[in-house]
Amino acid sequence: MTEIQNPKRYDLEERTFQFAKRVREFVKKLSRTIANIEDSRQLVNSSGSVGANYIEANEALSKKDFLMRIKICRKEAKESRYWLKLVNIDEKKALEQERDILENEACELTHIFGSIVTKSG
């Protein structure tokens, strides 16, 4: 008997993975100032943590553990948006557009995880 995978779970795992990958590509294009290096490090950590915690939530041992992990996902998505706003893009239009797309995705992920918390709580 084969296990049927929940497509929504897979989609969100893939979506959070792609978000973290796109953030890493974005960071490679930023100027290497001390502030950008530090802010980028925080951004890379928080963007990767969104997906990592979602995977942990899907393996949760209890409902309480699941909710805690989903709340962490929401928190890390919010934090990612904060760091995206903070990095210096040197007024480059292409980077500004890319940052806007990433900020929007971080915002959408925040809303998705918030909705999961509301419905699961």
PDB file of N, CA and C in Angstrom:
ATOM      1  N   MET A   1       0.845  -1.185   0.000  1.00  0.00           N
ATOM      2  CA  MET A   1       0.000   0.000   0.000  1.00  0.00           C
ATOM      3  C   MET A   1       0.888   1.245   0.000  1.00  0.00           C
ATOM      4  N   THR A   2       0.672   2.135  -0.931  1.00  0.00           N
ATOM      5  CA  THR A   2       1.492   3.350  -1.006  1.00  0.00           C
ATOM      6  C   THR A   2       0.835   4.472  -0.222  1.00  0.00           C
ATOM      7  N   GLU A   3       1.684   5.284   0.351  1.00  0.00           N
ATOM      8  CA  GLU A   3       1.194   6.421   1.128  1.00  0.00           C
ATOM      9  C   GLU A   3       0.812   7.547   0.174  1.00  0.00           C
ATOM     10  N   ILE A   4      -0.348   8.123   0.373  1.00  0.00           N
ATOM     11  CA  ILE A   4      -0.788   9.257  -0.435  1.00  0.00           C
ATOM     12  C   ILE A   4      -0.352  10.520   0.295  1.00  0.00           C
ATOM     13  N   GLN A   5       0.442  11.319  -0.393  1.00  0.00           N
ATOM     14  CA  GLN A   5       0.949  12.535   0.218  1.00  0.00           C
ATOM     15  C   GLN A   5      -0.073  13.657   0.094  1.00  0.00           C
ATOM     16  N   ASN A   6      -0.234  14.403   1.165  1.00  0.00           N
ATOM     17  CA  ASN A   6      -1.123  15.554   1.172  1.00  0.00           C
ATOM     18  C   ASN A   6      -0.533  16.619   0.240  1.00  0.00           C
ATOM     19  N   PRO A   7      -1.205  16.951  -0.882  1.00  0.00           N
ATOM     20  CA  PRO A   7      -0.617  17.903  -1.835  1.00  0.00           C
ATOM     21  C   PRO A   7      -0.421  19.295  -1.249  1.00  0.00           C
ATOM     22  N   LYS A   8      -1.296  19.734  -0.336  1.00  0.00           N
ATOM     23  CA  LYS A   8      -1.131  21.055   0.259  1.00  0.00           C
ATOM     24  C   LYS A   8       0.134  21.105   1.107  1.00  0.00           C
ATOM     25  N   ARG A   9       0.388  20.018   1.865  1.00  0.00           N
ATOM     26  CA  ARG A   9       1.580  19.985   2.684  1.00  0.00           C
ATOM     27  C   ARG A   9       2.819  20.065   1.793  1.00  0.00           C
ATOM     28  N   TYR A  10       2.833  19.276   0.741  1.00  0.00           N
ATOM     29  CA  TYR A  10       3.970  19.279  -0.177  1.00  0.00           C
ATOM     30  C   TYR A  10       4.149  20.661  -0.803  1.00  0.00           C
ATOM     31  N   ASP A  11       3.062  21.260  -1.242  1.00  0.00           N
ATOM     32  CA  ASP A  11       3.143  22.573  -1.884  1.00  0.00           C
ATOM     33  C   ASP A  11       3.770  23.609  -0.957  1.00  0.00           C
ATOM     34  N   LEU A  12       3.379  23.605   0.302  1.00  0.00           N
ATOM     35  CA  LEU A  12       3.917  24.583   1.242  1.00  0.00           C
ATOM     36  C   LEU A  12       5.375  24.268   1.584  1.00  0.00           C
ATOM     37  N   GLU A  13       5.723  23.004   1.667  1.00  0.00           N
ATOM     38  CA  GLU A  13       7.135  22.648   1.867  1.00  0.00           C
ATOM     39  C   GLU A  13       7.962  23.149   0.690  1.00  0.00           C
ATOM     40  N   GLU A  14       7.481  22.920  -0.514  1.00  0.00           N
ATOM     41  CA  GLU A  14       8.196  23.357  -1.710  1.00  0.00           C
ATOM     42  C   GLU A  14       8.230  24.888  -1.783  1.00  0.00           C
ATOM     43  N   ARG A  15       7.141  25.514  -1.450  1.00  0.00           N
ATOM     44  CA  ARG A  15       7.063  26.980  -1.505  1.00  0.00           C
ATOM     45  C   ARG A  15       8.046  27.617  -0.527  1.00  0.00           C
ATOM     46  N   THR A  16       8.127  27.089   0.681  1.00  0.00           N
ATOM     47  CA  THR A  16       9.065  27.648   1.662  1.00  0.00           C
ATOM     48  C   THR A  16      10.511  27.374   1.244  1.00  0.00           C
ATOM     49  N   PHE A  17      10.745  26.223   0.622  1.00  0.00           N
ATOM     50  CA  PHE A  17      12.076  25.897   0.114  1.00  0.00           C
ATOM     51  C   PHE A  17      12.476  26.877  -0.991  1.00  0.00           C
ATOM     52  N   GLN A  18      11.563  27.128  -1.923  1.00  0.00           N
ATOM     53  CA  GLN A  18      11.842  28.058  -3.018  1.00  0.00           C
ATOM     54  C   GLN A  18      12.063  29.477  -2.494  1.00  0.00           C
ATOM     55  N   PHE A  19      11.319  29.862  -1.470  1.00  0.00           N
ATOM     56  CA  PHE A  19      11.510  31.178  -0.858  1.00  0.00           C
ATOM     57  C   PHE A  19      12.943  31.297  -0.330  1.00  0.00           C
ATOM     58  N   ALA A  20      13.397  30.306   0.409  1.00  0.00           N
ATOM     59  CA  ALA A  20      14.750  30.339   0.962  1.00  0.00           C
ATOM     60  C   ALA A  20      15.801  30.370  -0.154  1.00  0.00           C
ATOM     61  N   LYS A  21      15.577  29.617  -1.217  1.00  0.00           N
ATOM     62  CA  LYS A  21      16.518  29.618  -2.350  1.00  0.00           C
ATOM     63  C   LYS A  21      16.570  30.980  -3.030  1.00  0.00           C
ATOM     64  N   ARG A  22      15.399  31.572  -3.252  1.00  0.00           N
ATOM     65  CA  ARG A  22      15.355  32.885  -3.915  1.00  0.00           C
ATOM     66  C   ARG A  22      16.024  33.962  -3.051  1.00  0.00           C
ATOM     67  N   VAL A  23      15.840  33.869  -1.741  1.00  0.00           N
ATOM     68  CA  VAL A  23      16.506  34.811  -0.837  1.00  0.00           C
ATOM     69  C   VAL A  23      18.017  34.685  -0.986  1.00  0.00           C
ATOM     70  N   ARG A  24      18.523  33.466  -1.051  1.00  0.00           N
ATOM     71  CA  ARG A  24      19.964  33.263  -1.183  1.00  0.00           C
ATOM     72  C   ARG A  24      20.494  33.843  -2.493  1.00  0.00           C
ATOM     73  N   GLU A  25      19.738  33.689  -3.568  1.00  0.00           N
ATOM     74  CA  GLU A  25      20.136  34.270  -4.853  1.00  0.00           C
ATOM     75  C   GLU A  25      20.129  35.795  -4.782  1.00  0.00           C
ATOM     76  N   PHE A  26      19.125  36.349  -4.120  1.00  0.00           N
ATOM     77  CA  PHE A  26      19.019  37.801  -3.944  1.00  0.00           C
ATOM     78  C   PHE A  26      20.221  38.339  -3.162  1.00  0.00           C
ATOM     79  N   VAL A  27      20.563  37.669  -2.080  1.00  0.00           N
ATOM     80  CA  VAL A  27      21.648  38.114  -1.208  1.00  0.00           C
ATOM     81  C   VAL A  27      22.978  38.159  -1.963  1.00  0.00           C
ATOM     82  N   LYS A  28      23.188  37.235  -2.885  1.00  0.00           N
ATOM     83  CA  LYS A  28      24.435  37.199  -3.668  1.00  0.00           C
ATOM     84  C   LYS A  28      24.623  38.473  -4.489  1.00  0.00           C
ATOM     85  N   LYS A  29      23.539  39.155  -4.800  1.00  0.00           N
ATOM     86  CA  LYS A  29      23.592  40.348  -5.660  1.00  0.00           C
ATOM     87  C   LYS A  29      23.780  41.651  -4.876  1.00  0.00           C
ATOM     88  N   LEU A  30      23.708  41.590  -3.553  1.00  0.00           N
ATOM     89  CA  LEU A  30      23.806  42.801  -2.742  1.00  0.00           C
ATOM     90  C   LEU A  30      25.253  43.258  -2.604  1.00  0.00           C
ATOM     91  N   SER A  31      25.417  44.566  -2.413  1.00  0.00           N
ATOM     92  CA  SER A  31      26.759  45.098  -2.173  1.00  0.00           C
ATOM     93  C   SER A  31      27.276  44.555  -0.838  1.00  0.00           C
ATOM     94  N   ARG A  32      28.577  44.384  -0.740  1.00  0.00           N
ATOM     95  CA  ARG A  32      29.180  43.727   0.419  1.00  0.00           C
ATOM     96  C   ARG A  32      29.614  44.746   1.474  1.00  0.00           C
ATOM     97  N   THR A  33      28.670  45.521   1.983  1.00  0.00           N
ATOM     98  CA  THR A  33      28.981  46.437   3.082  1.00  0.00           C
ATOM     99  C   THR A  33      28.869  45.657   4.391  1.00  0.00           C
ATOM    100  N   ILE A  34      29.429  46.194   5.436  1.00  0.00           N
ATOM    101  CA  ILE A  34      29.359  45.522   6.739  1.00  0.00           C
ATOM    102  C   ILE A  34      27.901  45.321   7.151  1.00  0.00           C
ATOM    103  N   ALA A  35      27.088  46.346   6.976  1.00  0.00           N
ATOM    104  CA  ALA A  35      25.668  46.246   7.364  1.00  0.00           C
ATOM    105  C   ALA A  35      24.956  45.184   6.531  1.00  0.00           C
ATOM    106  N   ASN A  36      25.181  45.179   5.221  1.00  0.00           N
ATOM    107  CA  ASN A  36      24.522  44.191   4.366  1.00  0.00           C
ATOM    108  C   ASN A  36      24.968  42.772   4.690  1.00  0.00           C
ATOM    109  N   ILE A  37      26.237  42.608   5.003  1.00  0.00           N
ATOM    110  CA  ILE A  37      26.726  41.271   5.360  1.00  0.00           C
ATOM    111  C   ILE A  37      26.004  40.769   6.601  1.00  0.00           C
ATOM    112  N   GLU A  38      25.906  41.612   7.608  1.00  0.00           N
ATOM    113  CA  GLU A  38      25.240  41.207   8.855  1.00  0.00           C
ATOM    114  C   GLU A  38      23.735  41.007   8.661  1.00  0.00           C
ATOM    115  N   ASP A  39      23.098  41.949   7.963  1.00  0.00           N
ATOM    116  CA  ASP A  39      21.661  41.835   7.727  1.00  0.00           C
ATOM    117  C   ASP A  39      21.340  40.643   6.826  1.00  0.00           C
ATOM    118  N   SER A  40      22.195  40.405   5.849  1.00  0.00           N
ATOM    119  CA  SER A  40      21.996  39.262   4.946  1.00  0.00           C
ATOM    120  C   SER A  40      22.111  37.942   5.696  1.00  0.00           C
ATOM    121  N   ARG A  41      23.033  37.874   6.615  1.00  0.00           N
ATOM    122  CA  ARG A  41      23.190  36.659   7.423  1.00  0.00           C
ATOM    123  C   ARG A  41      21.893  36.373   8.184  1.00  0.00           C
ATOM    124  N   GLN A  42      21.331  37.409   8.766  1.00  0.00           N
ATOM    125  CA  GLN A  42      20.065  37.257   9.496  1.00  0.00           C
ATOM    126  C   GLN A  42      18.940  36.845   8.544  1.00  0.00           C
ATOM    127  N   LEU A  43      18.920  37.460   7.366  1.00  0.00           N
ATOM    128  CA  LEU A  43      17.896  37.163   6.368  1.00  0.00           C
ATOM    129  C   LEU A  43      17.989  35.717   5.894  1.00  0.00           C
ATOM    130  N   VAL A  44      19.186  35.262   5.608  1.00  0.00           N
ATOM    131  CA  VAL A  44      19.379  33.878   5.167  1.00  0.00           C
ATOM    132  C   VAL A  44      18.915  32.913   6.256  1.00  0.00           C
ATOM    133  N   ASN A  45      19.279  33.197   7.499  1.00  0.00           N
ATOM    134  CA  ASN A  45      18.873  32.325   8.611  1.00  0.00           C
ATOM    135  C   ASN A  45      17.355  32.276   8.775  1.00  0.00           C
ATOM    136  N   SER A  46      16.719  33.428   8.787  1.00  0.00           N
ATOM    137  CA  SER A  46      15.267  33.440   9.023  1.00  0.00           C
ATOM    138  C   SER A  46      14.502  32.846   7.849  1.00  0.00           C
ATOM    139  N   SER A  47      14.951  33.105   6.619  1.00  0.00           N
ATOM    140  CA  SER A  47      14.231  32.561   5.458  1.00  0.00           C
ATOM    141  C   SER A  47      14.332  31.040   5.408  1.00  0.00           C
ATOM    142  N   GLY A  48      15.474  30.494   5.763  1.00  0.00           N
ATOM    143  CA  GLY A  48      15.626  29.042   5.793  1.00  0.00           C
ATOM    144  C   GLY A  48      14.869  28.409   6.939  1.00  0.00           C
ATOM    145  N   SER A  49      14.754  29.137   8.025  1.00  0.00           N
ATOM    146  CA  SER A  49      14.064  28.634   9.207  1.00  0.00           C
ATOM    147  C   SER A  49      12.564  28.455   8.979  1.00  0.00           C
ATOM    148  N   VAL A  50      11.997  29.236   8.080  1.00  0.00           N
ATOM    149  CA  VAL A  50      10.563  29.105   7.773  1.00  0.00           C
ATOM    150  C   VAL A  50      10.275  27.675   7.320  1.00  0.00           C
ATOM    151  N   GLY A  51      10.984  27.228   6.308  1.00  0.00           N
ATOM    152  CA  GLY A  51      10.761  25.890   5.766  1.00  0.00           C
ATOM    153  C   GLY A  51      11.186  24.781   6.698  1.00  0.00           C
ATOM    154  N   ALA A  52      12.314  24.980   7.371  1.00  0.00           N
ATOM    155  CA  ALA A  52      12.805  23.954   8.296  1.00  0.00           C
ATOM    156  C   ALA A  52      11.799  23.709   9.418  1.00  0.00           C
ATOM    157  N   ASN A  53      11.226  24.773   9.932  1.00  0.00           N
ATOM    158  CA  ASN A  53      10.232  24.610  11.003  1.00  0.00           C
ATOM    159  C   ASN A  53       8.923  24.038  10.487  1.00  0.00           C
ATOM    160  N   TYR A  54       8.602  24.316   9.228  1.00  0.00           N
ATOM    161  CA  TYR A  54       7.402  23.709   8.657  1.00  0.00           C
ATOM    162  C   TYR A  54       7.571  22.199   8.532  1.00  0.00           C
ATOM    163  N   ILE A  55       8.734  21.767   8.120  1.00  0.00           N
ATOM    164  CA  ILE A  55       9.015  20.327   8.065  1.00  0.00           C
ATOM    165  C   ILE A  55       8.906  19.729   9.468  1.00  0.00           C
ATOM    166  N   GLU A  56       9.458  20.418  10.451  1.00  0.00           N
ATOM    167  CA  GLU A  56       9.353  19.960  11.847  1.00  0.00           C
ATOM    168  C   GLU A  56       7.893  19.886  12.289  1.00  0.00           C
ATOM    169  N   ALA A  57       7.096  20.860  11.890  1.00  0.00           N
ATOM    170  CA  ALA A  57       5.673  20.864  12.259  1.00  0.00           C
ATOM    171  C   ALA A  57       4.970  19.637  11.692  1.00  0.00           C
ATOM    172  N   ASN A  58       5.313  19.272  10.474  1.00  0.00           N
ATOM    173  CA  ASN A  58       4.683  18.112   9.847  1.00  0.00           C
ATOM    174  C   ASN A  58       5.084  16.799  10.508  1.00  0.00           C
ATOM    175  N   GLU A  59       6.159  16.832  11.279  1.00  0.00           N
ATOM    176  CA  GLU A  59       6.608  15.641  12.001  1.00  0.00           C
ATOM    177  C   GLU A  59       6.315  15.762  13.497  1.00  0.00           C
ATOM    178  N   ALA A  60       5.504  16.728  13.855  1.00  0.00           N
ATOM    179  CA  ALA A  60       5.223  16.995  15.270  1.00  0.00           C
ATOM    180  C   ALA A  60       4.630  15.776  15.969  1.00  0.00           C
ATOM    181  N   LEU A  61       4.966  15.661  17.248  1.00  0.00           N
ATOM    182  CA  LEU A  61       4.497  14.536  18.053  1.00  0.00           C
ATOM    183  C   LEU A  61       3.160  14.816  18.724  1.00  0.00           C
ATOM    184  N   SER A  62       2.770  16.077  18.736  1.00  0.00           N
ATOM    185  CA  SER A  62       1.501  16.446  19.356  1.00  0.00           C
ATOM    186  C   SER A  62       0.956  17.697  18.680  1.00  0.00           C
ATOM    187  N   LYS A  63      -0.315  17.981  18.956  1.00  0.00           N
ATOM    188  CA  LYS A  63      -0.931  19.197  18.408  1.00  0.00           C
ATOM    189  C   LYS A  63      -0.240  20.447  18.961  1.00  0.00           C
ATOM    190  N   LYS A  64       0.126  20.386  20.238  1.00  0.00           N
ATOM    191  CA  LYS A  64       0.806  21.513  20.866  1.00  0.00           C
ATOM    192  C   LYS A  64       2.155  21.780  20.186  1.00  0.00           C
ATOM    193  N   ASP A  65       2.891  20.719  19.905  1.00  0.00           N
ATOM    194  CA  ASP A  65       4.175  20.839  19.212  1.00  0.00           C
ATOM    195  C   ASP A  65       3.968  21.397  17.799  1.00  0.00           C
ATOM    196  N   PHE A  66       2.939  20.888  17.098  1.00  0.00           N
ATOM    197  CA  PHE A  66       2.616  21.367  15.760  1.00  0.00           C
ATOM    198  C   PHE A  66       2.356  22.873  15.776  1.00  0.00           C
ATOM    199  N   LEU A  67       1.499  23.320  16.692  1.00  0.00           N
ATOM    200  CA  LEU A  67       1.159  24.745  16.759  1.00  0.00           C
ATOM    201  C   LEU A  67       2.373  25.602  17.081  1.00  0.00           C
ATOM    202  N   MET A  68       3.228  25.118  17.975  1.00  0.00           N
ATOM    203  CA  MET A  68       4.426  25.882  18.322  1.00  0.00           C
ATOM    204  C   MET A  68       5.314  26.050  17.088  1.00  0.00           C
ATOM    205  N   ARG A  69       5.498  24.985  16.322  1.00  0.00           N
ATOM    206  CA  ARG A  69       6.342  25.055  15.120  1.00  0.00           C
ATOM    207  C   ARG A  69       5.738  25.976  14.065  1.00  0.00           C
ATOM    208  N   ILE A  70       4.436  25.917  13.894  1.00  0.00           N
ATOM    209  CA  ILE A  70       3.768  26.793  12.925  1.00  0.00           C
ATOM    210  C   ILE A  70       3.901  28.253  13.357  1.00  0.00           C
ATOM    211  N   LYS A  71       3.808  28.509  14.653  1.00  0.00           N
ATOM    212  CA  LYS A  71       4.001  29.874  15.151  1.00  0.00           C
ATOM    213  C   LYS A  71       5.419  30.348  14.886  1.00  0.00           C
ATOM    214  N   ILE A  72       6.383  29.431  14.999  1.00  0.00           N
ATOM    215  CA  ILE A  72       7.770  29.789  14.687  1.00  0.00           C
ATOM    216  C   ILE A  72       7.901  30.095  13.203  1.00  0.00           C
ATOM    217  N   CYS A  73       7.232  29.324  12.356  1.00  0.00           N
ATOM    218  CA  CYS A  73       7.236  29.605  10.906  1.00  0.00           C
ATOM    219  C   CYS A  73       6.736  31.024  10.647  1.00  0.00           C
ATOM    220  N   ARG A  74       5.632  31.363  11.286  1.00  0.00           N
ATOM    221  CA  ARG A  74       5.054  32.702  11.111  1.00  0.00           C
ATOM    222  C   ARG A  74       6.032  33.779  11.576  1.00  0.00           C
ATOM    223  N   LYS A  75       6.642  33.549  12.730  1.00  0.00           N
ATOM    224  CA  LYS A  75       7.601  34.501  13.285  1.00  0.00           C
ATOM    225  C   LYS A  75       8.804  34.676  12.355  1.00  0.00           C
ATOM    226  N   GLU A  76       9.312  33.585  11.824  1.00  0.00           N
ATOM    227  CA  GLU A  76      10.479  33.650  10.937  1.00  0.00           C
ATOM    228  C   GLU A  76      10.135  34.318   9.601  1.00  0.00           C
ATOM    229  N   ALA A  77       8.927  34.111   9.110  1.00  0.00           N
ATOM    230  CA  ALA A  77       8.497  34.786   7.881  1.00  0.00           C
ATOM    231  C   ALA A  77       8.421  36.296   8.111  1.00  0.00           C
ATOM    232  N   LYS A  78       7.881  36.696   9.268  1.00  0.00           N
ATOM    233  CA  LYS A  78       7.833  38.122   9.609  1.00  0.00           C
ATOM    234  C   LYS A  78       9.235  38.696   9.717  1.00  0.00           C
ATOM    235  N   GLU A  79      10.114  37.935  10.352  1.00  0.00           N
ATOM    236  CA  GLU A  79      11.485  38.392  10.526  1.00  0.00           C
ATOM    237  C   GLU A  79      12.185  38.522   9.172  1.00  0.00           C
ATOM    238  N   SER A  80      11.929  37.607   8.275  1.00  0.00           N
ATOM    239  CA  SER A  80      12.513  37.680   6.935  1.00  0.00           C
ATOM    240  C   SER A  80      12.110  38.979   6.244  1.00  0.00           C
ATOM    241  N   ARG A  81      10.860  39.329   6.384  1.00  0.00           N
ATOM    242  CA  ARG A  81      10.376  40.573   5.771  1.00  0.00           C
ATOM    243  C   ARG A  81      11.096  41.787   6.365  1.00  0.00           C
ATOM    244  N   TYR A  82      11.308  41.761   7.659  1.00  0.00           N
ATOM    245  CA  TYR A  82      12.032  42.839   8.333  1.00  0.00           C
ATOM    246  C   TYR A  82      13.441  42.993   7.748  1.00  0.00           C
ATOM    247  N   TRP A  83      14.179  41.884   7.637  1.00  0.00           N
ATOM    248  CA  TRP A  83      15.543  41.943   7.126  1.00  0.00           C
ATOM    249  C   TRP A  83      15.562  42.353   5.654  1.00  0.00           C
ATOM    250  N   LEU A  84      14.563  41.922   4.895  1.00  0.00           N
ATOM    251  CA  LEU A  84      14.477  42.339   3.493  1.00  0.00           C
ATOM    252  C   LEU A  84      14.337  43.856   3.380  1.00  0.00           C
ATOM    253  N   LYS A  85      13.542  44.431   4.255  1.00  0.00           N
ATOM    254  CA  LYS A  85      13.365  45.886   4.232  1.00  0.00           C
ATOM    255  C   LYS A  85      14.652  46.607   4.621  1.00  0.00           C
ATOM    256  N   LEU A  86      15.454  45.967   5.443  1.00  0.00           N
ATOM    257  CA  LEU A  86      16.637  46.616   6.003  1.00  0.00           C
ATOM    258  C   LEU A  86      17.855  46.594   5.079  1.00  0.00           C
ATOM    259  N   VAL A  87      17.993  45.566   4.252  1.00  0.00           N
ATOM    260  CA  VAL A  87      19.190  45.491   3.412  1.00  0.00           C
ATOM    261  C   VAL A  87      19.222  46.649   2.415  1.00  0.00           C
ATOM    262  N   ASN A  88      20.428  47.088   2.119  1.00  0.00           N
ATOM    263  CA  ASN A  88      20.630  48.209   1.211  1.00  0.00           C
ATOM    264  C   ASN A  88      20.757  47.675  -0.217  1.00  0.00           C
ATOM    265  N   ILE A  89      19.886  48.148  -1.098  1.00  0.00           N
ATOM    266  CA  ILE A  89      19.911  47.695  -2.501  1.00  0.00           C
ATOM    267  C   ILE A  89      20.546  48.735  -3.427  1.00  0.00           C
ATOM    268  N   ASP A  90      21.119  49.776  -2.854  1.00  0.00           N
ATOM    269  CA  ASP A  90      21.806  50.821  -3.632  1.00  0.00           C
ATOM    270  C   ASP A  90      20.927  51.412  -4.727  1.00  0.00           C
ATOM    271  N   GLU A  91      19.642  51.484  -4.471  1.00  0.00           N
ATOM    272  CA  GLU A  91      18.661  52.073  -5.397  1.00  0.00           C
ATOM    273  C   GLU A  91      18.696  51.442  -6.792  1.00  0.00           C
ATOM    274  N   LYS A  92      19.024  50.176  -6.864  1.00  0.00           N
ATOM    275  CA  LYS A  92      19.022  49.458  -8.147  1.00  0.00           C
ATOM    276  C   LYS A  92      17.618  48.905  -8.383  1.00  0.00           C
ATOM    277  N   LYS A  93      17.047  49.288  -9.528  1.00  0.00           N
ATOM    278  CA  LYS A  93      15.653  48.928  -9.847  1.00  0.00           C
ATOM    279  C   LYS A  93      15.426  47.411  -9.839  1.00  0.00           C
ATOM    280  N   ALA A  94      16.343  46.657 -10.434  1.00  0.00           N
ATOM    281  CA  ALA A  94      16.175  45.200 -10.506  1.00  0.00           C
ATOM    282  C   ALA A  94      16.147  44.594  -9.105  1.00  0.00           C
ATOM    283  N   LEU A  95      17.036  45.070  -8.241  1.00  0.00           N
ATOM    284  CA  LEU A  95      17.061  44.564  -6.861  1.00  0.00           C
ATOM    285  C   LEU A  95      15.823  45.005  -6.092  1.00  0.00           C
ATOM    286  N   GLU A  96      15.351  46.195  -6.376  1.00  0.00           N
ATOM    287  CA  GLU A  96      14.137  46.688  -5.716  1.00  0.00           C
ATOM    288  C   GLU A  96      12.940  45.814  -6.081  1.00  0.00           C
ATOM    289  N   GLN A  97      12.823  45.463  -7.357  1.00  0.00           N
ATOM    290  CA  GLN A  97      11.723  44.592  -7.792  1.00  0.00           C
ATOM    291  C   GLN A  97      11.825  43.214  -7.154  1.00  0.00           C
ATOM    292  N   GLU A  98      13.037  42.693  -7.115  1.00  0.00           N
ATOM    293  CA  GLU A  98      13.252  41.377  -6.513  1.00  0.00           C
ATOM    294  C   GLU A  98      12.909  41.400  -5.024  1.00  0.00           C
ATOM    295  N   ARG A  99      13.342  42.459  -4.357  1.00  0.00           N
ATOM    296  CA  ARG A  99      13.050  42.580  -2.930  1.00  0.00           C
ATOM    297  C   ARG A  99      11.543  42.686  -2.701  1.00  0.00           C
ATOM    298  N   ASP A 100      10.845  43.446  -3.539  1.00  0.00           N
ATOM    299  CA  ASP A 100       9.389  43.572  -3.401  1.00  0.00           C
ATOM    300  C   ASP A 100       8.702  42.214  -3.530  1.00  0.00           C
ATOM    301  N   ILE A 101       9.151  41.409  -4.480  1.00  0.00           N
ATOM    302  CA  ILE A 101       8.576  40.075  -4.678  1.00  0.00           C
ATOM    303  C   ILE A 101       8.828  39.210  -3.442  1.00  0.00           C
ATOM    304  N   LEU A 102      10.057  39.264  -2.919  1.00  0.00           N
ATOM    305  CA  LEU A 102      10.394  38.463  -1.731  1.00  0.00           C
ATOM    306  C   LEU A 102       9.632  38.944  -0.495  1.00  0.00           C
ATOM    307  N   GLU A 103       9.506  40.270  -0.356  1.00  0.00           N
ATOM    308  CA  GLU A 103       8.725  40.811   0.766  1.00  0.00           C
ATOM    309  C   GLU A 103       7.278  40.350   0.682  1.00  0.00           C
ATOM    310  N   ASN A 104       6.718  40.374  -0.516  1.00  0.00           N
ATOM    311  CA  ASN A 104       5.341  39.930  -0.716  1.00  0.00           C
ATOM    312  C   ASN A 104       5.199  38.453  -0.348  1.00  0.00           C
ATOM    313  N   GLU A 105       6.154  37.639  -0.760  1.00  0.00           N
ATOM    314  CA  GLU A 105       6.102  36.213  -0.430  1.00  0.00           C
ATOM    315  C   GLU A 105       6.212  36.006   1.074  1.00  0.00           C
ATOM    316  N   ALA A 106       7.091  36.746   1.734  1.00  0.00           N
ATOM    317  CA  ALA A 106       7.217  36.643   3.194  1.00  0.00           C
ATOM    318  C   ALA A 106       5.901  37.024   3.868  1.00  0.00           C
ATOM    319  N   CYS A 107       5.256  38.049   3.348  1.00  0.00           N
ATOM    320  CA  CYS A 107       3.964  38.495   3.883  1.00  0.00           C
ATOM    321  C   CYS A 107       2.891  37.421   3.677  1.00  0.00           C
ATOM    322  N   GLU A 108       2.850  36.842   2.477  1.00  0.00           N
ATOM    323  CA  GLU A 108       1.877  35.784   2.208  1.00  0.00           C
ATOM    324  C   GLU A 108       2.111  34.572   3.101  1.00  0.00           C
ATOM    325  N   LEU A 109       3.368  34.194   3.281  1.00  0.00           N
ATOM    326  CA  LEU A 109       3.684  33.061   4.162  1.00  0.00           C
ATOM    327  C   LEU A 109       3.263  33.363   5.600  1.00  0.00           C
ATOM    328  N   THR A 110       3.472  34.601   6.028  1.00  0.00           N
ATOM    329  CA  THR A 110       3.039  35.008   7.371  1.00  0.00           C
ATOM    330  C   THR A 110       1.531  34.811   7.522  1.00  0.00           C
ATOM    331  N   HIS A 111       0.772  35.225   6.514  1.00  0.00           N
ATOM    332  CA  HIS A 111      -0.688  35.082   6.553  1.00  0.00           C
ATOM    333  C   HIS A 111      -1.107  33.611   6.512  1.00  0.00           C
ATOM    334  N   ILE A 112      -0.440  32.823   5.705  1.00  0.00           N
ATOM    335  CA  ILE A 112      -0.765  31.392   5.613  1.00  0.00           C
ATOM    336  C   ILE A 112      -0.545  30.718   6.958  1.00  0.00           C
ATOM    337  N   PHE A 113       0.604  30.963   7.558  1.00  0.00           N
ATOM    338  CA  PHE A 113       0.885  30.323   8.855  1.00  0.00           C
ATOM    339  C   PHE A 113      -0.023  30.860   9.945  1.00  0.00           C
ATOM    340  N   GLY A 114      -0.358  32.138   9.870  1.00  0.00           N
ATOM    341  CA  GLY A 114      -1.321  32.697  10.827  1.00  0.00           C
ATOM    342  C   GLY A 114      -2.671  32.036  10.701  1.00  0.00           C
ATOM    343  N   SER A 115      -3.084  31.768   9.477  1.00  0.00           N
ATOM    344  CA  SER A 115      -4.357  31.097   9.230  1.00  0.00           C
ATOM    345  C   SER A 115      -4.336  29.665   9.771  1.00  0.00           C
ATOM    346  N   ILE A 116      -3.217  28.985   9.593  1.00  0.00           N
ATOM    347  CA  ILE A 116      -3.086  27.620  10.127  1.00  0.00           C
ATOM    348  C   ILE A 116      -3.202  27.639  11.646  1.00  0.00           C
ATOM    349  N   VAL A 117      -2.554  28.616  12.285  1.00  0.00           N
ATOM    350  CA  VAL A 117      -2.643  28.726  13.742  1.00  0.00           C
ATOM    351  C   VAL A 117      -4.077  28.952  14.180  1.00  0.00           C
ATOM    352  N   THR A 118      -4.778  29.857  13.508  1.00  0.00           N
ATOM    353  CA  THR A 118      -6.162  30.163  13.854  1.00  0.00           C
ATOM    354  C   THR A 118      -7.069  28.944  13.699  1.00  0.00           C
ATOM    355  N   LYS A 119      -6.906  28.226  12.587  1.00  0.00           N
ATOM    356  CA  LYS A 119      -7.753  27.065  12.325  1.00  0.00           C
ATOM    357  C   LYS A 119      -7.398  25.850  13.177  1.00  0.00           C
ATOM    358  N   SER A 120      -6.161  25.765  13.621  1.00  0.00           N
ATOM    359  CA  SER A 120      -5.722  24.599  14.384  1.00  0.00           C
ATOM    360  C   SER A 120      -5.826  24.809  15.887  1.00  0.00           C
ATOM    361  N   GLY A 121      -5.953  26.060  16.299  1.00  0.00           N
ATOM    362  CA  GLY A 121      -5.920  26.385  17.731  1.00  0.00           C
ATOM    363  C   GLY A 121      -7.154  26.108  18.465  1.00  0.00           C
TER     364      GLY A 121
END
